[in-house]
């Protein structure tokens, strides 16, 4: 018998809101966090806009000591620590004291695409100048892939599995399912799950070179990210972190914890970069298989889904994603669930996207609303041929939700889909 798994804590660092209250208000109002960055223009980027969370120096010191901040230069670890520690506090779980035993039943799965890119660049320059001794003792911790989980693990005193996953845009959703499986199988009682992404030109430059990010809205940044729009011209790069504290239902009930939702299960797969799948394009057969297998794992019928939090990046693949959902669920027209994309407000947060968007999905489920899709007044005709335009709300909708899906489809033709239910 698998244990039931619930969500008892949330943490969020997004371009349009840091902390659950600010973020919730922003997504309800359709507030964008995308802005123009002169540094990108100075570096000759075609796309000179992006989504970067606003973190004050004062706020950093709510989470890090002065010693930890000395020579600190990793935006991804910064965002992940804030989101992760906020999720812990939200769940009412205190870190282990330094002179006490670790929390043996609490583990961490916190993913990332890259870690400490700016720190790594700083280190390279020092090495090239022959200043190896000036690298400092924190360079490794900030640049190793598992740096985010290592930082959180030490701050919390986590004694169960502490690890980092990396599956491009599917990373955050995959992390949730990895934590879910560990609790469901009885190997842990609590798992802090999420993902993070560094910001800036050294992360975003490769995408600019690939010409997959928009160049048309440098003077109108909040209009740049246009999921499901006929005039979409590529995604807008973003950054941030999302965190969810997963816990066995039994443990949550014993503690009297607030329960946001239940994780029913999900699926992870790959299209193998075969057929229409490639490093950058999804294999539709694999996407549909992932969705169908997620429903089976969750023990629900396709007809039970009320809402989908889409991957929907504002590229030519948006209409393909809608077609895949429609085929996998066998639902069309007005029968299709509500669907939206957070990326219109925050851009594509890369490895952080799945967890940031999962937090938005859980908040909508818990509070009974569907946030508005922004910048898609001109819905793509191939999308409206499949589903009714009213299933893609352009204004806030207050409506009870019972069962929702969050899916992510990443570079390398990898897919992840998780199902949440109100409890």
Protein backbone atom coordinates (compact mmCIF):
# COMPACT_ATOMS: atom_id res chain seq x y z
CA UNK A 1 0.00 0.00 0.00
CA UNK A 2 1.44 3.34 -1.06
CA UNK A 3 1.24 6.12 1.48
CA UNK A 4 -0.85 9.14 0.55
CA UNK A 5 1.21 12.28 -0.04
CA UNK A 6 0.10 15.86 0.55
CA UNK A 7 1.54 19.36 0.23
CA UNK A 8 1.87 21.27 3.50
CA UNK A 9 4.20 24.13 2.56
CA UNK A 10 4.90 26.44 -0.37
CA UNK A 11 7.72 28.85 -1.19
CA UNK A 12 8.10 31.03 -4.26
CA UNK A 13 10.63 33.43 -5.74
CA UNK A 14 9.30 34.69 -9.06
CA UNK A 15 9.90 37.73 -11.26
CA UNK A 16 6.43 39.04 -10.39
CA UNK A 17 6.40 38.20 -6.70
CA UNK A 18 8.59 36.92 -3.87
CA UNK A 19 6.65 35.06 -1.19
CA UNK A 20 3.25 33.38 -1.52
CA UNK A 21 1.07 36.43 -0.65
CA UNK A 22 2.73 38.78 -3.16
CA UNK A 23 2.90 36.10 -5.86
CA UNK A 24 -0.76 35.10 -5.40
CA UNK A 25 -1.90 38.71 -5.75
CA UNK A 26 0.24 39.15 -8.86
CA UNK A 27 -1.05 36.10 -10.73
CA UNK A 28 -4.65 36.96 -9.91
CA UNK A 29 -4.17 40.41 -11.43
CA UNK A 30 -2.05 39.26 -14.37
CA UNK A 31 0.94 41.33 -13.22
CA UNK A 32 4.07 40.88 -15.31
CA UNK A 33 7.56 40.65 -13.87
CA UNK A 34 9.30 41.01 -17.23
CA UNK A 35 11.52 44.05 -17.76
CA UNK A 36 14.15 45.53 -20.08
CA UNK A 37 17.79 45.05 -19.00
CA UNK A 38 20.41 47.46 -20.41
CA UNK A 39 23.15 44.88 -19.79
CA UNK A 40 21.61 42.63 -22.45
CA UNK A 41 21.61 45.49 -24.95
CA UNK A 42 25.24 46.29 -24.11
CA UNK A 43 26.13 42.65 -24.83
CA UNK A 44 24.36 42.77 -28.22
CA UNK A 45 21.57 40.39 -27.28
CA UNK A 46 18.69 40.24 -29.73
CA UNK A 47 16.34 39.71 -26.78
CA UNK A 48 16.97 42.43 -24.21
CA UNK A 49 14.15 41.58 -21.81
CA UNK A 50 13.80 38.97 -19.10
CA UNK A 51 12.27 38.00 -15.78
CA UNK A 52 14.42 38.47 -12.66
CA UNK A 53 13.06 38.38 -9.06
CA UNK A 54 13.68 41.43 -6.91
CA UNK A 55 15.65 40.51 -3.77
CA UNK A 56 16.88 43.27 -1.44
CA UNK A 57 20.13 43.05 0.49
CA UNK A 58 18.04 43.16 3.66
CA UNK A 59 16.00 40.15 2.57
CA UNK A 60 19.13 38.14 1.79
CA UNK A 61 20.15 38.56 5.42
CA UNK A 62 16.90 36.97 6.58
CA UNK A 63 18.22 33.69 5.13
CA UNK A 64 22.02 33.90 5.04
CA UNK A 65 24.65 34.87 7.58
CA UNK A 66 27.24 37.51 6.76
CA UNK A 67 29.82 34.74 6.52
CA UNK A 68 27.69 32.85 3.98
CA UNK A 69 27.22 36.00 1.91
CA UNK A 70 30.95 36.75 1.82
CA UNK A 71 32.11 36.11 -1.76
CA UNK A 72 28.62 34.79 -2.57
CA UNK A 73 27.65 35.06 -6.24
CA UNK A 74 24.99 32.50 -7.14
CA UNK A 75 21.52 33.82 -7.92
CA UNK A 76 20.15 30.30 -8.34
CA UNK A 77 21.20 29.21 -4.86
CA UNK A 78 19.89 32.50 -3.47
CA UNK A 79 16.45 31.97 -5.03
CA UNK A 80 16.33 28.28 -4.09
CA UNK A 81 17.26 28.87 -0.46
CA UNK A 82 14.62 31.58 -0.04
CA UNK A 83 11.88 29.45 -1.66
CA UNK A 84 12.93 26.31 0.20
CA UNK A 85 13.18 27.88 3.64
CA UNK A 86 9.87 29.68 3.10
CA UNK A 87 8.21 26.34 2.28
CA UNK A 88 9.63 24.88 5.50
CA UNK A 89 8.29 27.80 7.55
CA UNK A 90 4.94 27.64 5.78
CA UNK A 91 4.69 23.96 6.71
CA UNK A 92 5.57 24.72 10.34
CA UNK A 93 8.70 22.56 10.30
CA UNK A 94 11.75 23.88 12.14
CA UNK A 95 15.32 23.03 11.10
CA UNK A 96 17.34 20.78 13.36
CA UNK A 97 19.46 22.67 15.88
CA UNK A 98 23.18 22.56 15.18
CA UNK A 99 23.94 20.48 18.27
CA UNK A 100 21.09 18.02 17.66
CA UNK A 101 20.65 15.03 15.34
CA UNK A 102 19.61 15.56 11.70
CA UNK A 103 15.96 15.30 10.69
CA UNK A 104 16.18 11.68 9.57
CA UNK A 105 12.70 11.57 8.02
CA UNK A 106 13.09 14.78 5.99
CA UNK A 107 14.88 14.82 2.64
CA UNK A 108 15.40 17.19 -0.27
CA UNK A 109 15.08 16.92 -4.05
CA UNK A 110 15.90 20.35 -5.45
CA UNK A 111 16.80 20.61 -9.10
CA UNK A 112 18.69 23.06 -11.27
CA UNK A 113 19.98 23.42 -14.81
CA UNK A 114 23.22 25.21 -13.99
CA UNK A 115 24.61 26.44 -10.70
CA UNK A 116 26.57 29.58 -9.90
CA UNK A 117 27.33 30.57 -13.49
CA UNK A 118 28.45 34.04 -12.41
CA UNK A 119 30.58 32.52 -9.64
CA UNK A 120 32.13 30.11 -12.12
CA UNK A 121 32.95 32.99 -14.50
CA UNK A 122 34.49 34.92 -11.60
CA UNK A 123 36.61 31.87 -10.74
CA UNK A 124 37.80 31.42 -14.32
CA UNK A 125 39.10 34.99 -14.45
CA UNK A 126 40.97 34.55 -11.18
CA UNK A 127 42.50 31.30 -12.42
CA UNK A 128 43.53 32.87 -15.71
CA UNK A 129 45.28 35.60 -13.72
CA UNK A 130 47.11 32.97 -11.69
CA UNK A 131 45.17 33.76 -8.49
CA UNK A 132 44.01 30.26 -7.55
CA UNK A 133 44.36 31.02 -3.84
CA UNK A 134 41.90 33.89 -4.20
CA UNK A 135 39.05 31.60 -5.23
CA UNK A 136 37.96 31.19 -1.62
CA UNK A 137 36.45 28.23 0.17
CA UNK A 138 32.89 28.65 -1.17
CA UNK A 139 33.55 28.38 -4.91
CA UNK A 140 32.95 24.62 -5.07
CA UNK A 141 29.73 24.79 -3.05
CA UNK A 142 28.33 27.52 -5.28
CA UNK A 143 29.27 25.98 -8.62
CA UNK A 144 28.64 22.26 -8.11
CA UNK A 145 25.32 21.07 -9.54
CA UNK A 146 24.08 19.93 -6.13
CA UNK A 147 24.97 23.26 -4.50
CA UNK A 148 21.35 24.24 -3.94
CA UNK A 149 20.47 20.98 -2.17
CA UNK A 150 23.69 21.13 -0.19
CA UNK A 151 22.98 24.66 1.03
CA UNK A 152 19.39 23.78 1.98
CA UNK A 153 20.47 20.48 3.53
CA UNK A 154 22.89 22.24 5.87
CA UNK A 155 20.48 25.00 6.82
CA UNK A 156 17.71 22.53 7.59
CA UNK A 157 19.70 19.60 8.95
CA UNK A 158 17.99 17.23 6.52
CA UNK A 159 18.97 13.63 7.25
CA UNK A 160 17.11 11.71 4.54
CA UNK A 161 18.03 11.69 0.83
CA UNK A 162 19.46 15.08 -0.20
CA UNK A 163 19.92 15.31 -3.95
CA UNK A 164 19.66 17.44 -7.08
CA UNK A 165 18.01 16.48 -10.35
CA UNK A 166 18.44 18.15 -13.73
CA UNK A 167 16.11 17.60 -16.67
CA UNK A 168 16.02 21.00 -18.39
CA UNK A 169 12.53 22.51 -18.33
CA UNK A 170 11.05 19.34 -16.77
CA UNK A 171 13.32 19.57 -13.71
CA UNK A 172 10.87 21.07 -11.20
CA UNK A 173 7.96 18.78 -12.05
CA UNK A 174 10.30 15.78 -12.00
CA UNK A 175 11.61 16.81 -8.55
CA UNK A 176 8.07 16.79 -7.16
CA UNK A 177 7.48 13.28 -8.47
CA UNK A 178 10.82 12.05 -7.12
CA UNK A 179 9.93 13.35 -3.67
CA UNK A 180 6.43 11.92 -3.96
CA UNK A 181 7.77 8.44 -4.71
CA UNK A 182 10.11 8.52 -1.74
CA UNK A 183 7.26 9.31 0.67
CA UNK A 184 4.73 7.01 -1.00
CA UNK A 185 7.17 4.10 -0.69
CA UNK A 186 7.71 4.78 3.00
CA UNK A 187 11.35 5.89 2.73
CA UNK A 188 10.66 9.40 4.10
CA UNK A 189 7.92 11.31 5.87
CA UNK A 190 8.72 14.75 4.46
CA UNK A 191 10.50 15.89 1.30
CA UNK A 192 11.34 19.44 0.30
CA UNK A 193 10.97 19.48 -3.49
CA UNK A 194 11.56 22.21 -6.02
CA UNK A 195 13.92 23.72 -8.55
CA UNK A 196 15.82 26.91 -9.24
CA UNK A 197 17.49 28.78 -12.08
CA UNK A 198 20.22 31.41 -12.22
CA UNK A 199 19.48 34.59 -14.13
CA UNK A 200 21.43 36.74 -16.55
CA UNK A 201 23.35 36.75 -19.81
CA UNK A 202 25.62 33.79 -19.09
CA UNK A 203 22.57 31.54 -18.70
CA UNK A 204 20.43 33.15 -21.39
CA UNK A 205 23.07 33.77 -24.06
CA UNK A 206 22.84 30.31 -25.63
CA UNK A 207 19.11 30.69 -26.16
CA UNK A 208 19.63 34.06 -27.79
CA UNK A 209 22.14 32.47 -30.14
CA UNK A 210 19.61 29.75 -31.00
CA UNK A 211 17.03 32.44 -31.86
CA UNK A 212 14.34 30.78 -29.74
CA UNK A 213 13.73 33.89 -27.61
CA UNK A 214 11.85 36.94 -28.80
CA UNK A 215 13.54 40.04 -30.19
CA UNK A 216 10.37 41.99 -31.03
CA UNK A 217 9.45 43.49 -27.66
CA UNK A 218 12.55 45.18 -26.28
CA UNK A 219 10.57 48.43 -26.04
CA UNK A 220 7.42 46.74 -24.68
CA UNK A 221 8.77 44.11 -22.27
CA UNK A 222 5.52 43.20 -20.52
CA UNK A 223 4.01 42.27 -23.90
CA UNK A 224 6.93 40.06 -24.91
CA UNK A 225 5.88 36.68 -23.51
CA UNK A 226 2.83 35.56 -25.52
CA UNK A 227 1.86 31.92 -24.87
CA UNK A 228 -0.83 30.61 -27.26
CA UNK A 229 -0.79 33.86 -29.25
CA UNK A 230 -0.75 33.99 -33.04
CA UNK A 231 1.87 36.75 -32.74
CA UNK A 232 4.17 34.86 -30.36
CA UNK A 233 7.78 35.22 -31.50
CA UNK A 234 9.72 33.12 -29.01
CA UNK A 235 9.97 32.81 -25.25
CA UNK A 236 11.23 35.39 -22.77
CA UNK A 237 13.96 34.07 -20.43
CA UNK A 238 13.16 34.12 -16.73
CA UNK A 239 14.56 32.93 -13.42
CA UNK A 240 13.53 32.16 -9.85
CA UNK A 241 12.61 29.17 -7.72
CA UNK A 242 9.60 27.28 -6.44
CA UNK A 243 9.42 24.89 -3.48
CA UNK A 244 6.81 22.48 -2.14
CA UNK A 245 7.00 20.63 1.16
CA UNK A 246 5.61 17.16 0.53
CA UNK A 247 4.53 15.03 3.49
CA UNK A 248 2.75 11.79 4.19
CA UNK A 249 -0.92 12.38 4.94
CA UNK A 250 -0.49 10.56 8.23
CA UNK A 251 2.35 12.83 9.33
CA UNK A 252 0.47 15.98 8.26
CA UNK A 253 -2.63 14.95 10.17
CA UNK A 254 -0.64 14.08 13.28
CA UNK A 255 0.92 17.57 13.23
CA UNK A 256 -2.36 19.31 12.45
CA UNK A 257 -0.68 20.88 9.42
CA UNK A 258 -2.45 22.95 6.79
CA UNK A 259 -2.90 20.82 3.68
CA UNK A 260 -2.86 22.61 0.32
CA UNK A 261 -3.52 19.59 -1.88
CA UNK A 262 -2.83 15.90 -2.36
CA UNK A 263 -0.29 14.64 -4.88
CA UNK A 264 -2.07 11.77 -6.61
CA UNK A 265 0.90 10.70 -8.75
CA UNK A 266 2.29 11.30 -12.18
CA UNK A 267 4.64 10.12 -14.88
CA UNK A 268 8.07 10.87 -16.35
CA UNK A 269 9.31 9.76 -19.76
CA UNK A 270 11.32 10.68 -22.85
CA UNK A 271 10.61 10.68 -26.55
CA UNK A 272 14.14 9.48 -27.17
CA UNK A 273 14.65 12.27 -29.72
CA UNK A 274 13.03 9.95 -32.24
CA UNK A 275 10.31 10.70 -34.77
CA UNK A 276 9.46 14.39 -34.53
CA UNK A 277 11.35 14.59 -31.23
CA UNK A 278 14.77 16.25 -31.04
CA UNK A 279 17.00 18.09 -28.60
CA UNK A 280 14.63 21.08 -28.81
CA UNK A 281 11.31 19.62 -30.01
CA UNK A 282 8.96 17.20 -28.25
CA UNK A 283 7.94 13.81 -29.57
CA UNK A 284 4.14 14.10 -29.49
CA UNK A 285 3.67 10.38 -28.99
CA UNK A 286 5.81 10.54 -25.85
CA UNK A 287 4.02 13.65 -24.55
CA UNK A 288 0.62 12.00 -24.94
CA UNK A 289 1.92 8.79 -23.36
CA UNK A 290 3.27 10.76 -20.38
CA UNK A 291 -0.10 12.48 -19.82
CA UNK A 292 -2.04 9.21 -20.11
CA UNK A 293 0.33 7.38 -17.76
CA UNK A 294 0.08 10.23 -15.24
CA UNK A 295 -3.70 9.81 -15.17
CA UNK A 296 -3.35 6.05 -14.66
CA UNK A 297 -0.80 6.52 -11.87
CA UNK A 298 -3.12 9.04 -10.20
CA UNK A 299 -6.07 6.69 -10.54
CA UNK A 300 -8.31 9.21 -12.29
CA UNK A 301 -10.17 9.48 -15.57
CA UNK A 302 -9.38 12.20 -18.10
CA UNK A 303 -12.89 13.58 -17.60
CA UNK A 304 -12.04 14.44 -13.97
CA UNK A 305 -9.45 17.10 -14.86
CA UNK A 306 -10.77 20.60 -14.18
CA UNK A 307 -7.65 22.57 -15.08
CA UNK A 308 -4.26 22.26 -16.77
CA UNK A 309 -1.20 24.33 -15.92
CA UNK A 310 0.50 24.13 -19.30
CA UNK A 311 4.14 24.25 -20.30
CA UNK A 312 3.21 26.64 -23.17
CA UNK A 313 6.32 28.69 -23.85
CA UNK A 314 5.18 31.21 -26.51
CA UNK A 315 6.82 29.36 -29.39
CA UNK A 316 5.50 27.56 -32.46
CA UNK A 317 5.11 24.44 -30.31
CA UNK A 318 2.21 25.86 -28.26
CA UNK A 319 -0.40 24.64 -30.74
CA UNK A 320 1.29 21.23 -30.78
CA UNK A 321 1.08 21.05 -26.98
CA UNK A 322 -2.63 21.87 -27.05
CA UNK A 323 -3.18 19.17 -29.69
CA UNK A 324 -1.31 16.66 -27.52
CA UNK A 325 -3.44 17.47 -24.47
CA UNK A 326 -6.60 17.19 -26.55
CA UNK A 327 -5.61 13.82 -27.99
CA UNK A 328 -4.34 12.39 -24.69
CA UNK A 329 -7.49 13.43 -22.80
CA UNK A 330 -9.87 12.93 -25.74
CA UNK A 331 -11.43 16.27 -24.86
CA UNK A 332 -12.16 19.16 -27.24
CA UNK A 333 -14.15 22.33 -27.64
CA UNK A 334 -15.98 23.44 -24.50
CA UNK A 335 -15.32 20.04 -22.91
CA UNK A 336 -11.61 20.86 -22.63
CA UNK A 337 -10.37 21.78 -19.11
CA UNK A 338 -9.38 25.35 -18.30
CA UNK A 339 -5.76 25.92 -19.31
CA UNK A 340 -3.30 28.74 -18.70
CA UNK A 341 0.40 29.53 -18.84
CA UNK A 342 2.28 31.43 -16.14
CA UNK A 343 5.03 32.23 -18.63
CA UNK A 344 3.05 35.20 -19.95
CA UNK A 345 3.79 36.94 -16.65
CA UNK A 346 7.22 35.61 -15.63
CA UNK A 347 8.79 34.31 -18.82
CA UNK A 348 10.31 30.86 -19.11
CA UNK A 349 12.14 30.21 -15.85
CA UNK A 350 14.01 27.29 -17.43
CA UNK A 351 14.90 24.65 -14.80
CA UNK A 352 12.79 26.56 -12.25
CA UNK A 353 9.72 26.69 -14.48
CA UNK A 354 8.12 23.42 -13.36
CA UNK A 355 8.27 24.20 -9.64
CA UNK A 356 7.36 27.89 -9.98
CA UNK A 357 4.36 26.92 -12.11
CA UNK A 358 3.45 24.03 -9.79
CA UNK A 359 3.18 26.50 -6.91
CA UNK A 360 0.80 28.59 -9.03
CA UNK A 361 -1.24 25.47 -9.85
CA UNK A 362 -1.56 24.46 -6.18
CA UNK A 363 -2.59 27.99 -5.15
CA UNK A 364 -5.34 28.00 -7.78
CA UNK A 365 -6.54 24.58 -6.63
CA UNK A 366 -6.56 25.57 -2.97
CA UNK A 367 -8.20 28.98 -3.43
CA UNK A 368 -10.53 28.18 -6.31
CA UNK A 369 -9.47 30.45 -9.15
CA UNK A 370 -7.91 30.36 -12.61
CA UNK A 371 -5.46 33.17 -13.28
CA UNK A 372 -5.73 35.08 -16.57
CA UNK A 373 -3.66 34.30 -19.63
CA UNK A 374 -1.96 37.52 -20.66
CA UNK A 375 -0.85 38.69 -24.12
CA UNK A 376 -3.00 36.21 -26.04
CA UNK A 377 -5.87 38.36 -27.28
CA UNK A 378 -5.02 36.94 -30.72
CA UNK A 379 -5.24 33.22 -29.96
CA UNK A 380 -3.47 31.00 -32.47
CA UNK A 381 -6.07 29.63 -34.93
CA UNK A 382 -4.69 26.09 -34.67
CA UNK A 383 -5.44 26.23 -30.95
CA UNK A 384 -9.01 27.51 -31.28
CA UNK A 385 -9.68 24.79 -33.87
CA UNK A 386 -9.09 22.31 -31.05
CA UNK A 387 -10.52 23.94 -27.95
CA UNK A 388 -13.03 26.67 -27.19
CA UNK A 389 -11.49 30.08 -26.54
CA UNK A 390 -13.39 30.39 -23.25
CA UNK A 391 -11.30 27.51 -21.88
CA UNK A 392 -8.31 29.86 -22.18
CA UNK A 393 -9.43 32.61 -19.78
CA UNK A 394 -8.15 36.12 -20.42
CA UNK A 395 -9.56 37.40 -17.12
CA UNK A 396 -9.49 36.01 -13.58
CA UNK A 397 -12.07 33.30 -13.03
CA UNK A 398 -13.28 32.36 -9.56
CA UNK A 399 -14.32 28.71 -9.72
CA UNK A 400 -13.93 25.63 -7.51
CA UNK A 401 -11.29 23.21 -8.77
CA UNK A 402 -10.98 19.61 -7.66
CA UNK A 403 -8.34 17.95 -9.84
CA UNK A 404 -5.54 19.66 -11.79
CA UNK A 405 -2.52 18.70 -13.89
CA UNK A 406 0.89 20.32 -14.20
CA UNK A 407 3.15 19.21 -17.03
CA UNK A 408 6.60 20.23 -18.25
CA UNK A 409 8.29 19.31 -21.51
CA UNK A 410 12.02 19.97 -21.68
CA UNK A 411 15.09 20.19 -23.90
CA UNK A 412 16.35 16.70 -24.63
CA UNK A 413 12.77 15.52 -25.34
CA UNK A 414 11.97 14.81 -21.67
CA UNK A 415 8.51 15.01 -20.14
CA UNK A 416 6.94 15.09 -16.67
CA UNK A 417 3.31 15.37 -15.58
CA UNK A 418 1.94 15.46 -12.03
CA UNK A 419 -1.68 15.39 -10.81
CA UNK A 420 -2.90 17.32 -7.75
CA UNK A 421 -6.28 17.01 -6.03
CA UNK A 422 -8.06 19.07 -3.40
CA UNK A 423 -8.42 17.20 -0.14
